[in-house]
């Protein structure tokens, strides 16, 4: 097991912040004055939502990034809550189940 410390004063917007703060982070335009220093202008994405995925022990074990090549694509948190989250929830549940199965299998194999 490897632990990589994340320090709050050196976070890059998006996935790192979603992990550290344990909440959905939204970048409305990667080329805005606020964010352009963190993102490559040659990349196709302009709008990013970073969603922390929690395991059954309430630890963040993954970050799901959804991006768009259109700035301000995901305009409102209501849109995220009503359209995006319900769409990805089945996938998140499968990820959690698979992770739990992998951990249980590796723990079982370690006992032999």
PDB file of N, CA and C in Angstrom:
ATOM      1  N   UNK A   1       0.853  -1.178   0.000  1.00  0.00           N
ATOM      2  CA  UNK A   1       0.000   0.000   0.000  1.00  0.00           C
ATOM      3  C   UNK A   1       0.890   1.230   0.000  1.00  0.00           C
ATOM      4  N   UNK A   2       0.579   2.167  -0.881  1.00  0.00           N
ATOM      5  CA  UNK A   2       1.339   3.412  -0.986  1.00  0.00           C
ATOM      6  C   UNK A   2       0.414   4.562  -0.590  1.00  0.00           C
ATOM      7  N   UNK A   3       0.904   5.439   0.247  1.00  0.00           N
ATOM      8  CA  UNK A   3       0.150   6.626   0.628  1.00  0.00           C
ATOM      9  C   UNK A   3       0.887   7.846   0.105  1.00  0.00           C
ATOM     10  N   UNK A   4       0.180   8.659  -0.663  1.00  0.00           N
ATOM     11  CA  UNK A   4       0.754   9.886  -1.205  1.00  0.00           C
ATOM     12  C   UNK A   4       0.051  11.062  -0.540  1.00  0.00           C
ATOM     13  N   UNK A   5       0.767  11.846   0.233  1.00  0.00           N
ATOM     14  CA  UNK A   5       0.116  12.979   0.910  1.00  0.00           C
ATOM     15  C   UNK A   5      -0.310  14.060  -0.082  1.00  0.00           C
ATOM     16  N   UNK A   6      -1.461  14.628   0.161  1.00  0.00           N
ATOM     17  CA  UNK A   6      -1.944  15.751  -0.644  1.00  0.00           C
ATOM     18  C   UNK A   6      -2.050  16.943   0.289  1.00  0.00           C
ATOM     19  N   UNK A   7      -1.370  18.011  -0.068  1.00  0.00           N
ATOM     20  CA  UNK A   7      -1.328  19.204   0.768  1.00  0.00           C
ATOM     21  C   UNK A   7      -2.262  20.251   0.176  1.00  0.00           C
ATOM     22  N   UNK A   8      -3.091  20.845   1.008  1.00  0.00           N
ATOM     23  CA  UNK A   8      -4.139  21.744   0.516  1.00  0.00           C
ATOM     24  C   UNK A   8      -3.610  22.987  -0.194  1.00  0.00           C
ATOM     25  N   UNK A   9      -2.407  23.438   0.128  1.00  0.00           N
ATOM     26  CA  UNK A   9      -1.917  24.673  -0.502  1.00  0.00           C
ATOM     27  C   UNK A   9      -1.283  24.434  -1.870  1.00  0.00           C
ATOM     28  N   UNK A  10      -1.217  23.173  -2.320  1.00  0.00           N
ATOM     29  CA  UNK A  10      -0.629  22.910  -3.638  1.00  0.00           C
ATOM     30  C   UNK A  10      -1.576  22.111  -4.530  1.00  0.00           C
ATOM     31  N   UNK A  11      -2.877  22.231  -4.299  1.00  0.00           N
ATOM     32  CA  UNK A  11      -3.848  21.465  -5.067  1.00  0.00           C
ATOM     33  C   UNK A  11      -4.070  22.058  -6.451  1.00  0.00           C
ATOM     34  N   UNK A  12      -4.145  21.180  -7.433  1.00  0.00           N
ATOM     35  CA  UNK A  12      -4.544  21.574  -8.780  1.00  0.00           C
ATOM     36  C   UNK A  12      -6.064  21.465  -8.823  1.00  0.00           C
ATOM     37  N   UNK A  13      -6.750  22.435  -9.412  1.00  0.00           N
ATOM     38  CA  UNK A  13      -8.217  22.382  -9.465  1.00  0.00           C
ATOM     39  C   UNK A  13      -8.704  21.113 -10.165  1.00  0.00           C
ATOM     40  N   UNK A  14      -9.824  20.613  -9.706  1.00  0.00           N
ATOM     41  CA  UNK A  14     -10.418  19.431 -10.327  1.00  0.00           C
ATOM     42  C   UNK A  14     -10.287  18.209  -9.447  1.00  0.00           C
ATOM     43  N   UNK A  15      -9.662  17.168  -9.971  1.00  0.00           N
ATOM     44  CA  UNK A  15      -9.603  15.873  -9.291  1.00  0.00           C
ATOM     45  C   UNK A  15      -8.916  15.948  -7.927  1.00  0.00           C
ATOM     46  N   UNK A  16      -7.795  16.639  -7.845  1.00  0.00           N
ATOM     47  CA  UNK A  16      -7.074  16.720  -6.564  1.00  0.00           C
ATOM     48  C   UNK A  16      -7.929  17.405  -5.496  1.00  0.00           C
ATOM     49  N   UNK A  17      -8.615  18.462  -5.874  1.00  0.00           N
ATOM     50  CA  UNK A  17      -9.492  19.150  -4.922  1.00  0.00           C
ATOM     51  C   UNK A  17     -10.687  18.280  -4.546  1.00  0.00           C
ATOM     52  N   UNK A  18     -11.240  17.564  -5.513  1.00  0.00           N
ATOM     53  CA  UNK A  18     -12.368  16.672  -5.227  1.00  0.00           C
ATOM     54  C   UNK A  18     -11.951  15.615  -4.211  1.00  0.00           C
ATOM     55  N   UNK A  19     -10.734  15.090  -4.365  1.00  0.00           N
ATOM     56  CA  UNK A  19     -10.222  14.098  -3.422  1.00  0.00           C
ATOM     57  C   UNK A  19     -10.005  14.723  -2.042  1.00  0.00           C
ATOM     58  N   UNK A  20      -9.319  15.833  -2.011  1.00  0.00           N
ATOM     59  CA  UNK A  20      -8.952  16.461  -0.737  1.00  0.00           C
ATOM     60  C   UNK A  20     -10.167  16.958   0.034  1.00  0.00           C
ATOM     61  N   UNK A  21     -11.065  17.654  -0.663  1.00  0.00           N
ATOM     62  CA  UNK A  21     -12.234  18.245   0.008  1.00  0.00           C
ATOM     63  C   UNK A  21     -13.432  17.298   0.077  1.00  0.00           C
ATOM     64  N   UNK A  22     -13.331  16.133  -0.614  1.00  0.00           N
ATOM     65  CA  UNK A  22     -14.368  15.111  -0.571  1.00  0.00           C
ATOM     66  C   UNK A  22     -15.717  15.631  -1.089  1.00  0.00           C
ATOM     67  N   UNK A  23     -15.658  16.428  -2.144  1.00  0.00           N
ATOM     68  CA  UNK A  23     -16.895  16.952  -2.719  1.00  0.00           C
ATOM     69  C   UNK A  23     -16.711  17.160  -4.221  1.00  0.00           C
ATOM     70  N   UNK A  24     -17.826  17.316  -4.909  1.00  0.00           N
ATOM     71  CA  UNK A  24     -17.799  17.542  -6.354  1.00  0.00           C
ATOM     72  C   UNK A  24     -17.161  18.898  -6.629  1.00  0.00           C
ATOM     73  N   UNK A  25     -16.224  18.916  -7.571  1.00  0.00           N
ATOM     74  CA  UNK A  25     -15.586  20.164  -7.980  1.00  0.00           C
ATOM     75  C   UNK A  25     -15.951  20.429  -9.441  1.00  0.00           C
ATOM     76  N   UNK A  26     -16.208  21.687  -9.743  1.00  0.00           N
ATOM     77  CA  UNK A  26     -16.635  22.073 -11.085  1.00  0.00           C
ATOM     78  C   UNK A  26     -15.719  23.162 -11.627  1.00  0.00           C
ATOM     79  N   UNK A  27     -15.160  22.911 -12.794  1.00  0.00           N
ATOM     80  CA  UNK A  27     -14.358  23.909 -13.500  1.00  0.00           C
ATOM     81  C   UNK A  27     -15.152  24.286 -14.743  1.00  0.00           C
ATOM     82  N   UNK A  28     -15.681  25.492 -14.736  1.00  0.00           N
ATOM     83  CA  UNK A  28     -16.578  25.901 -15.819  1.00  0.00           C
ATOM     84  C   UNK A  28     -15.859  26.194 -17.130  1.00  0.00           C
ATOM     85  N   UNK A  29     -14.600  26.655 -17.045  1.00  0.00           N
ATOM     86  CA  UNK A  29     -13.850  26.963 -18.260  1.00  0.00           C
ATOM     87  C   UNK A  29     -12.354  26.876 -17.949  1.00  0.00           C
ATOM     88  N   UNK A  30     -11.699  25.868 -18.480  1.00  0.00           N
ATOM     89  CA  UNK A  30     -10.276  25.664 -18.190  1.00  0.00           C
ATOM     90  C   UNK A  30      -9.398  26.788 -18.732  1.00  0.00           C
ATOM     91  N   UNK A  31      -9.934  27.596 -19.629  1.00  0.00           N
ATOM     92  CA  UNK A  31      -9.148  28.693 -20.197  1.00  0.00           C
ATOM     93  C   UNK A  31      -9.509  30.047 -19.603  1.00  0.00           C
ATOM     94  N   UNK A  32     -10.320  30.051 -18.553  1.00  0.00           N
ATOM     95  CA  UNK A  32     -10.622  31.314 -17.869  1.00  0.00           C
ATOM     96  C   UNK A  32      -9.373  31.769 -17.110  1.00  0.00           C
ATOM     97  N   UNK A  33      -9.323  33.040 -16.765  1.00  0.00           N
ATOM     98  CA  UNK A  33      -8.165  33.576 -16.042  1.00  0.00           C
ATOM     99  C   UNK A  33      -7.870  32.784 -14.771  1.00  0.00           C
ATOM    100  N   UNK A  34      -8.913  32.333 -14.106  1.00  0.00           N
ATOM    101  CA  UNK A  34      -8.763  31.603 -12.847  1.00  0.00           C
ATOM    102  C   UNK A  34      -8.078  30.241 -13.025  1.00  0.00           C
ATOM    103  N   UNK A  35      -8.322  29.572 -14.158  1.00  0.00           N
ATOM    104  CA  UNK A  35      -7.870  28.191 -14.311  1.00  0.00           C
ATOM    105  C   UNK A  35      -6.810  27.950 -15.386  1.00  0.00           C
ATOM    106  N   UNK A  36      -6.595  28.875 -16.314  1.00  0.00           N
ATOM    107  CA  UNK A  36      -5.747  28.574 -17.471  1.00  0.00           C
ATOM    108  C   UNK A  36      -4.302  28.231 -17.114  1.00  0.00           C
ATOM    109  N   UNK A  37      -3.805  28.685 -15.976  1.00  0.00           N
ATOM    110  CA  UNK A  37      -2.432  28.359 -15.600  1.00  0.00           C
ATOM    111  C   UNK A  37      -2.273  26.879 -15.234  1.00  0.00           C
ATOM    112  N   UNK A  38      -3.395  26.197 -14.977  1.00  0.00           N
ATOM    113  CA  UNK A  38      -3.348  24.788 -14.590  1.00  0.00           C
ATOM    114  C   UNK A  38      -3.579  23.823 -15.755  1.00  0.00           C
ATOM    115  N   UNK A  39      -4.101  24.313 -16.878  1.00  0.00           N
ATOM    116  CA  UNK A  39      -4.524  23.425 -17.954  1.00  0.00           C
ATOM    117  C   UNK A  39      -3.869  23.782 -19.283  1.00  0.00           C
ATOM    118  N   UNK A  40      -3.601  22.765 -20.066  1.00  0.00           N
ATOM    119  CA  UNK A  40      -2.978  22.896 -21.382  1.00  0.00           C
ATOM    120  C   UNK A  40      -4.031  23.356 -22.388  1.00  0.00           C
ATOM    121  N   UNK A  41      -3.779  24.479 -23.049  1.00  0.00           N
ATOM    122  CA  UNK A  41      -4.760  25.010 -24.005  1.00  0.00           C
ATOM    123  C   UNK A  41      -4.927  24.109 -25.225  1.00  0.00           C
ATOM    124  N   UNK A  42      -3.995  23.197 -25.458  1.00  0.00           N
ATOM    125  CA  UNK A  42      -4.089  22.292 -26.604  1.00  0.00           C
ATOM    126  C   UNK A  42      -4.963  21.068 -26.324  1.00  0.00           C
ATOM    127  N   UNK A  43      -5.366  20.880 -25.090  1.00  0.00           N
ATOM    128  CA  UNK A  43      -6.252  19.764 -24.751  1.00  0.00           C
ATOM    129  C   UNK A  43      -7.679  20.119 -25.170  1.00  0.00           C
ATOM    130  N   UNK A  44      -8.459  19.132 -25.553  1.00  0.00           N
ATOM    131  CA  UNK A  44      -9.804  19.418 -26.071  1.00  0.00           C
ATOM    132  C   UNK A  44     -10.834  19.806 -25.015  1.00  0.00           C
ATOM    133  N   UNK A  45     -10.566  19.506 -23.749  1.00  0.00           N
ATOM    134  CA  UNK A  45     -11.588  19.782 -22.746  1.00  0.00           C
ATOM    135  C   UNK A  45     -11.550  21.243 -22.296  1.00  0.00           C
ATOM    136  N   UNK A  46     -12.744  21.774 -21.993  1.00  0.00           N
ATOM    137  CA  UNK A  46     -12.867  23.155 -21.523  1.00  0.00           C
ATOM    138  C   UNK A  46     -13.692  23.259 -20.247  1.00  0.00           C
ATOM    139  N   UNK A  47     -14.385  22.198 -19.908  1.00  0.00           N
ATOM    140  CA  UNK A  47     -15.261  22.186 -18.746  1.00  0.00           C
ATOM    141  C   UNK A  47     -15.120  20.815 -18.086  1.00  0.00           C
ATOM    142  N   UNK A  48     -14.939  20.779 -16.758  1.00  0.00           N
ATOM    143  CA  UNK A  48     -14.683  19.521 -16.064  1.00  0.00           C
ATOM    144  C   UNK A  48     -15.482  19.456 -14.755  1.00  0.00           C
ATOM    145  N   UNK A  49     -16.053  18.292 -14.508  1.00  0.00           N
ATOM    146  CA  UNK A  49     -16.640  17.984 -13.211  1.00  0.00           C
ATOM    147  C   UNK A  49     -15.819  16.832 -12.642  1.00  0.00           C
ATOM    148  N   UNK A  50     -15.356  16.981 -11.405  1.00  0.00           N
ATOM    149  CA  UNK A  50     -14.617  15.921 -10.720  1.00  0.00           C
ATOM    150  C   UNK A  50     -15.456  15.446  -9.540  1.00  0.00           C
ATOM    151  N   UNK A  51     -15.774  14.147  -9.540  1.00  0.00           N
ATOM    152  CA  UNK A  51     -16.678  13.585  -8.541  1.00  0.00           C
ATOM    153  C   UNK A  51     -15.939  12.524  -7.721  1.00  0.00           C
ATOM    154  N   UNK A  52     -15.853  12.724  -6.398  1.00  0.00           N
ATOM    155  CA  UNK A  52     -15.217  11.699  -5.571  1.00  0.00           C
ATOM    156  C   UNK A  52     -16.124  10.473  -5.437  1.00  0.00           C
ATOM    157  N   UNK A  53     -15.506   9.295  -5.495  1.00  0.00           N
ATOM    158  CA  UNK A  53     -16.223   8.041  -5.324  1.00  0.00           C
ATOM    159  C   UNK A  53     -15.781   7.458  -3.981  1.00  0.00           C
ATOM    160  N   UNK A  54     -16.756   7.166  -3.132  1.00  0.00           N
ATOM    161  CA  UNK A  54     -16.471   6.688  -1.775  1.00  0.00           C
ATOM    162  C   UNK A  54     -16.702   5.184  -1.673  1.00  0.00           C
ATOM    163  N   UNK A  55     -15.872   4.520  -0.864  1.00  0.00           N
ATOM    164  CA  UNK A  55     -16.100   3.103  -0.610  1.00  0.00           C
ATOM    165  C   UNK A  55     -17.043   2.941   0.577  1.00  0.00           C
ATOM    166  N   UNK A  56     -17.258   1.713   0.980  1.00  0.00           N
ATOM    167  CA  UNK A  56     -18.203   1.457   2.071  1.00  0.00           C
ATOM    168  C   UNK A  56     -17.715   1.987   3.416  1.00  0.00           C
ATOM    169  N   UNK A  57     -16.403   2.253   3.533  1.00  0.00           N
ATOM    170  CA  UNK A  57     -15.858   2.842   4.762  1.00  0.00           C
ATOM    171  C   UNK A  57     -15.813   4.365   4.694  1.00  0.00           C
ATOM    172  N   UNK A  58     -16.441   4.944   3.664  1.00  0.00           N
ATOM    173  CA  UNK A  58     -16.507   6.388   3.467  1.00  0.00           C
ATOM    174  C   UNK A  58     -15.146   7.014   3.167  1.00  0.00           C
ATOM    175  N   UNK A  59     -14.259   6.258   2.537  1.00  0.00           N
ATOM    176  CA  UNK A  59     -12.980   6.787   2.068  1.00  0.00           C
ATOM    177  C   UNK A  59     -13.066   7.004   0.565  1.00  0.00           C
ATOM    178  N   UNK A  60     -12.450   8.068   0.076  1.00  0.00           N
ATOM    179  CA  UNK A  60     -12.402   8.305  -1.361  1.00  0.00           C
ATOM    180  C   UNK A  60     -11.426   7.295  -1.962  1.00  0.00           C
ATOM    181  N   UNK A  61     -11.898   6.482  -2.906  1.00  0.00           N
ATOM    182  CA  UNK A  61     -10.999   5.528  -3.541  1.00  0.00           C
ATOM    183  C   UNK A  61     -10.826   5.791  -5.031  1.00  0.00           C
ATOM    184  N   UNK A  62     -11.591   6.748  -5.572  1.00  0.00           N
ATOM    185  CA  UNK A  62     -11.454   7.102  -6.989  1.00  0.00           C
ATOM    186  C   UNK A  62     -12.067   8.481  -7.218  1.00  0.00           C
ATOM    187  N   UNK A  63     -11.667   9.076  -8.310  1.00  0.00           N
ATOM    188  CA  UNK A  63     -12.275  10.328  -8.768  1.00  0.00           C
ATOM    189  C   UNK A  63     -12.762  10.088 -10.189  1.00  0.00           C
ATOM    190  N   UNK A  64     -14.016  10.431 -10.437  1.00  0.00           N
ATOM    191  CA  UNK A  64     -14.577  10.338 -11.773  1.00  0.00           C
ATOM    192  C   UNK A  64     -14.571  11.734 -12.381  1.00  0.00           C
ATOM    193  N   UNK A  65     -13.873  11.902 -13.484  1.00  0.00           N
ATOM    194  CA  UNK A  65     -13.862  13.181 -14.196  1.00  0.00           C
ATOM    195  C   UNK A  65     -14.766  13.078 -15.409  1.00  0.00           C
ATOM    196  N   UNK A  66     -15.645  14.055 -15.557  1.00  0.00           N
ATOM    197  CA  UNK A  66     -16.487  14.172 -16.743  1.00  0.00           C
ATOM    198  C   UNK A  66     -16.128  15.511 -17.367  1.00  0.00           C
ATOM    199  N   UNK A  67     -15.778  15.480 -18.649  1.00  0.00           N
ATOM    200  CA  UNK A  67     -15.380  16.742 -19.282  1.00  0.00           C
ATOM    201  C   UNK A  67     -16.160  16.990 -20.564  1.00  0.00           C
ATOM    202  N   UNK A  68     -16.068  18.208 -21.019  1.00  0.00           N
ATOM    203  CA  UNK A  68     -16.715  18.624 -22.253  1.00  0.00           C
ATOM    204  C   UNK A  68     -15.788  19.583 -22.985  1.00  0.00           C
ATOM    205  N   UNK A  69     -15.887  19.602 -24.289  1.00  0.00           N
ATOM    206  CA  UNK A  69     -15.100  20.564 -25.060  1.00  0.00           C
ATOM    207  C   UNK A  69     -15.805  21.913 -25.168  1.00  0.00           C
ATOM    208  N   UNK A  70     -16.950  22.030 -24.505  1.00  0.00           N
ATOM    209  CA  UNK A  70     -17.730  23.274 -24.498  1.00  0.00           C
ATOM    210  C   UNK A  70     -17.594  23.941 -23.130  1.00  0.00           C
ATOM    211  N   UNK A  71     -17.092  25.180 -23.078  1.00  0.00           N
ATOM    212  CA  UNK A  71     -17.030  25.885 -21.792  1.00  0.00           C
ATOM    213  C   UNK A  71     -18.431  26.041 -21.199  1.00  0.00           C
ATOM    214  N   UNK A  72     -18.510  26.005 -19.881  1.00  0.00           N
ATOM    215  CA  UNK A  72     -19.778  26.183 -19.157  1.00  0.00           C
ATOM    216  C   UNK A  72     -20.846  25.162 -19.549  1.00  0.00           C
ATOM    217  N   UNK A  73     -20.416  23.977 -19.982  1.00  0.00           N
ATOM    218  CA  UNK A  73     -21.360  22.950 -20.426  1.00  0.00           C
ATOM    219  C   UNK A  73     -22.311  22.528 -19.308  1.00  0.00           C
ATOM    220  N   UNK A  74     -21.775  22.359 -18.130  1.00  0.00           N
ATOM    221  CA  UNK A  74     -22.574  21.901 -16.998  1.00  0.00           C
ATOM    222  C   UNK A  74     -22.904  23.131 -16.155  1.00  0.00           C
ATOM    223  N   UNK A  75     -23.980  23.787 -16.494  1.00  0.00           N
ATOM    224  CA  UNK A  75     -24.253  25.125 -16.012  1.00  0.00           C
ATOM    225  C   UNK A  75     -24.650  25.194 -14.536  1.00  0.00           C
ATOM    226  N   UNK A  76     -25.458  24.261 -14.088  1.00  0.00           N
ATOM    227  CA  UNK A  76     -25.993  24.377 -12.737  1.00  0.00           C
ATOM    228  C   UNK A  76     -25.768  23.095 -11.941  1.00  0.00           C
ATOM    229  N   UNK A  77     -25.615  23.258 -10.638  1.00  0.00           N
ATOM    230  CA  UNK A  77     -25.478  22.097  -9.765  1.00  0.00           C
ATOM    231  C   UNK A  77     -26.721  21.218  -9.852  1.00  0.00           C
ATOM    232  N   UNK A  78     -27.886  21.824 -10.056  1.00  0.00           N
ATOM    233  CA  UNK A  78     -29.112  21.042 -10.221  1.00  0.00           C
ATOM    234  C   UNK A  78     -28.987  20.087 -11.405  1.00  0.00           C
ATOM    235  N   UNK A  79     -28.379  20.567 -12.487  1.00  0.00           N
ATOM    236  CA  UNK A  79     -28.170  19.720 -13.666  1.00  0.00           C
ATOM    237  C   UNK A  79     -27.293  18.530 -13.299  1.00  0.00           C
ATOM    238  N   UNK A  80     -26.252  18.786 -12.542  1.00  0.00           N
ATOM    239  CA  UNK A  80     -25.352  17.717 -12.108  1.00  0.00           C
ATOM    240  C   UNK A  80     -26.109  16.727 -11.228  1.00  0.00           C
ATOM    241  N   UNK A  81     -26.834  17.248 -10.240  1.00  0.00           N
ATOM    242  CA  UNK A  81     -27.567  16.388  -9.304  1.00  0.00           C
ATOM    243  C   UNK A  81     -28.681  15.598  -9.985  1.00  0.00           C
ATOM    244  N   UNK A  82     -29.368  16.216 -10.944  1.00  0.00           N
ATOM    245  CA  UNK A  82     -30.537  15.584 -11.544  1.00  0.00           C
ATOM    246  C   UNK A  82     -30.224  14.762 -12.786  1.00  0.00           C
ATOM    247  N   UNK A  83     -29.178  15.107 -13.524  1.00  0.00           N
ATOM    248  CA  UNK A  83     -28.899  14.423 -14.786  1.00  0.00           C
ATOM    249  C   UNK A  83     -27.637  13.552 -14.734  1.00  0.00           C
ATOM    250  N   UNK A  84     -26.568  14.101 -14.216  1.00  0.00           N
ATOM    251  CA  UNK A  84     -25.292  13.379 -14.273  1.00  0.00           C
ATOM    252  C   UNK A  84     -25.197  12.315 -13.183  1.00  0.00           C
ATOM    253  N   UNK A  85     -25.453  12.689 -11.945  1.00  0.00           N
ATOM    254  CA  UNK A  85     -25.307  11.746 -10.828  1.00  0.00           C
ATOM    255  C   UNK A  85     -26.190  10.503 -11.024  1.00  0.00           C
ATOM    256  N   UNK A  86     -27.479  10.644 -11.358  1.00  0.00           N
ATOM    257  CA  UNK A  86     -28.281   9.432 -11.564  1.00  0.00           C
ATOM    258  C   UNK A  86     -27.764   8.555 -12.713  1.00  0.00           C
ATOM    259  N   UNK A  87     -27.169   9.163 -13.705  1.00  0.00           N
ATOM    260  CA  UNK A  87     -26.640   8.400 -14.834  1.00  0.00           C
ATOM    261  C   UNK A  87     -25.418   7.583 -14.436  1.00  0.00           C
ATOM    262  N   UNK A  88     -24.564   8.158 -13.593  1.00  0.00           N
ATOM    263  CA  UNK A  88     -23.333   7.450 -13.231  1.00  0.00           C
ATOM    264  C   UNK A  88     -23.467   6.583 -11.982  1.00  0.00           C
ATOM    265  N   UNK A  89     -24.533   6.753 -11.216  1.00  0.00           N
ATOM    266  CA  UNK A  89     -24.685   5.985  -9.973  1.00  0.00           C
ATOM    267  C   UNK A  89     -24.549   4.476 -10.168  1.00  0.00           C
ATOM    268  N   UNK A  90     -25.174   3.868 -11.181  1.00  0.00           N
ATOM    269  CA  UNK A  90     -24.980   2.421 -11.364  1.00  0.00           C
ATOM    270  C   UNK A  90     -23.512   2.048 -11.593  1.00  0.00           C
ATOM    271  N   UNK A  91     -22.793   2.885 -12.324  1.00  0.00           N
ATOM    272  CA  UNK A  91     -21.370   2.618 -12.562  1.00  0.00           C
ATOM    273  C   UNK A  91     -20.564   2.746 -11.280  1.00  0.00           C
ATOM    274  N   UNK A  92     -20.904   3.727 -10.481  1.00  0.00           N
ATOM    275  CA  UNK A  92     -20.214   3.928  -9.206  1.00  0.00           C
ATOM    276  C   UNK A  92     -20.444   2.725  -8.299  1.00  0.00           C
ATOM    277  N   UNK A  93     -21.678   2.240  -8.255  1.00  0.00           N
ATOM    278  CA  UNK A  93     -21.981   1.072  -7.427  1.00  0.00           C
ATOM    279  C   UNK A  93     -21.200  -0.151  -7.900  1.00  0.00           C
ATOM    280  N   UNK A  94     -21.066  -0.313  -9.208  1.00  0.00           N
ATOM    281  CA  UNK A  94     -20.270  -1.423  -9.735  1.00  0.00           C
ATOM    282  C   UNK A  94     -18.805  -1.285  -9.362  1.00  0.00           C
ATOM    283  N   UNK A  95     -18.272  -0.061  -9.426  1.00  0.00           N
ATOM    284  CA  UNK A  95     -16.884   0.168  -9.018  1.00  0.00           C
ATOM    285  C   UNK A  95     -16.678  -0.199  -7.558  1.00  0.00           C
ATOM    286  N   UNK A  96     -17.600   0.208  -6.712  1.00  0.00           N
ATOM    287  CA  UNK A  96     -17.498  -0.108  -5.290  1.00  0.00           C
ATOM    288  C   UNK A  96     -17.547  -1.620  -5.076  1.00  0.00           C
ATOM    289  N   UNK A  97     -18.471  -2.287  -5.760  1.00  0.00           N
ATOM    290  CA  UNK A  97     -18.605  -3.734  -5.622  1.00  0.00           C
ATOM    291  C   UNK A  97     -17.326  -4.436  -6.086  1.00  0.00           C
ATOM    292  N   UNK A  98     -16.800  -4.024  -7.233  1.00  0.00           N
ATOM    293  CA  UNK A  98     -15.588  -4.637  -7.754  1.00  0.00           C
ATOM    294  C   UNK A  98     -14.414  -4.413  -6.802  1.00  0.00           C
ATOM    295  N   UNK A  99     -14.288  -3.202  -6.285  1.00  0.00           N
ATOM    296  CA  UNK A  99     -13.203  -2.916  -5.349  1.00  0.00           C
ATOM    297  C   UNK A  99     -13.329  -3.803  -4.113  1.00  0.00           C
ATOM    298  N   UNK A 100     -14.534  -3.911  -3.566  1.00  0.00           N
ATOM    299  CA  UNK A 100     -14.748  -4.747  -2.387  1.00  0.00           C
ATOM    300  C   UNK A 100     -14.438  -6.212  -2.685  1.00  0.00           C
ATOM    301  N   UNK A 101     -14.831  -6.678  -3.874  1.00  0.00           N
ATOM    302  CA  UNK A 101     -14.535  -8.060  -4.254  1.00  0.00           C
ATOM    303  C   UNK A 101     -13.031  -8.292  -4.373  1.00  0.00           C
ATOM    304  N   UNK A 102     -12.326  -7.353  -4.964  1.00  0.00           N
ATOM    305  CA  UNK A 102     -10.870  -7.469  -5.110  1.00  0.00           C
ATOM    306  C   UNK A 102     -10.208  -7.501  -3.741  1.00  0.00           C
ATOM    307  N   UNK A 103     -10.612  -6.593  -2.867  1.00  0.00           N
ATOM    308  CA  UNK A 103     -10.027  -6.560  -1.529  1.00  0.00           C
ATOM    309  C   UNK A 103     -10.328  -7.832  -0.743  1.00  0.00           C
ATOM    310  N   UNK A 104     -11.559  -8.306  -0.838  1.00  0.00           N
ATOM    311  CA  UNK A 104     -11.919  -9.527  -0.124  1.00  0.00           C
ATOM    312  C   UNK A 104     -11.156 -10.735  -0.667  1.00  0.00           C
ATOM    313  N   UNK A 105     -10.982 -10.802  -1.979  1.00  0.00           N
ATOM    314  CA  UNK A 105     -10.234 -11.897  -2.588  1.00  0.00           C
ATOM    315  C   UNK A 105      -8.779 -11.848  -2.172  1.00  0.00           C
ATOM    316  N   UNK A 106      -8.164 -10.653  -2.202  1.00  0.00           N
ATOM    317  CA  UNK A 106      -6.755 -10.544  -1.841  1.00  0.00           C
ATOM    318  C   UNK A 106      -6.556 -10.816  -0.344  1.00  0.00           C
ATOM    319  N   UNK A 107      -7.508 -10.415   0.491  1.00  0.00           N
ATOM    320  CA  UNK A 107      -7.418 -10.711   1.926  1.00  0.00           C
ATOM    321  C   UNK A 107      -7.552 -12.208   2.165  1.00  0.00           C
ATOM    322  N   UNK A 108      -8.441 -12.845   1.418  1.00  0.00           N
ATOM    323  CA  UNK A 108      -8.625 -14.288   1.561  1.00  0.00           C
ATOM    324  C   UNK A 108      -7.384 -15.043   1.110  1.00  0.00           C
ATOM    325  N   UNK A 109      -6.801 -14.630  -0.002  1.00  0.00           N
ATOM    326  CA  UNK A 109      -5.603 -15.296  -0.519  1.00  0.00           C
ATOM    327  C   UNK A 109      -4.424 -15.095   0.398  1.00  0.00           C
ATOM    328  N   UNK A 110      -4.386 -13.985   1.107  1.00  0.00           N
ATOM    329  CA  UNK A 110      -3.297 -13.716   2.028  1.00  0.00           C
ATOM    330  C   UNK A 110      -3.328 -14.612   3.242  1.00  0.00           C
ATOM    331  N   UNK A 111      -4.521 -15.161   3.567  1.00  0.00           N
ATOM    332  CA  UNK A 111      -4.653 -16.028   4.728  1.00  0.00           C
ATOM    333  C   UNK A 111      -4.141 -17.437   4.473  1.00  0.00           C
ATOM    334  N   UNK A 112      -3.999 -17.808   3.193  1.00  0.00           N
ATOM    335  CA  UNK A 112      -3.583 -19.181   2.864  1.00  0.00           C
ATOM    336  C   UNK A 112      -2.110 -19.395   3.034  1.00  0.00           C
TER     337      UNK A 112
END
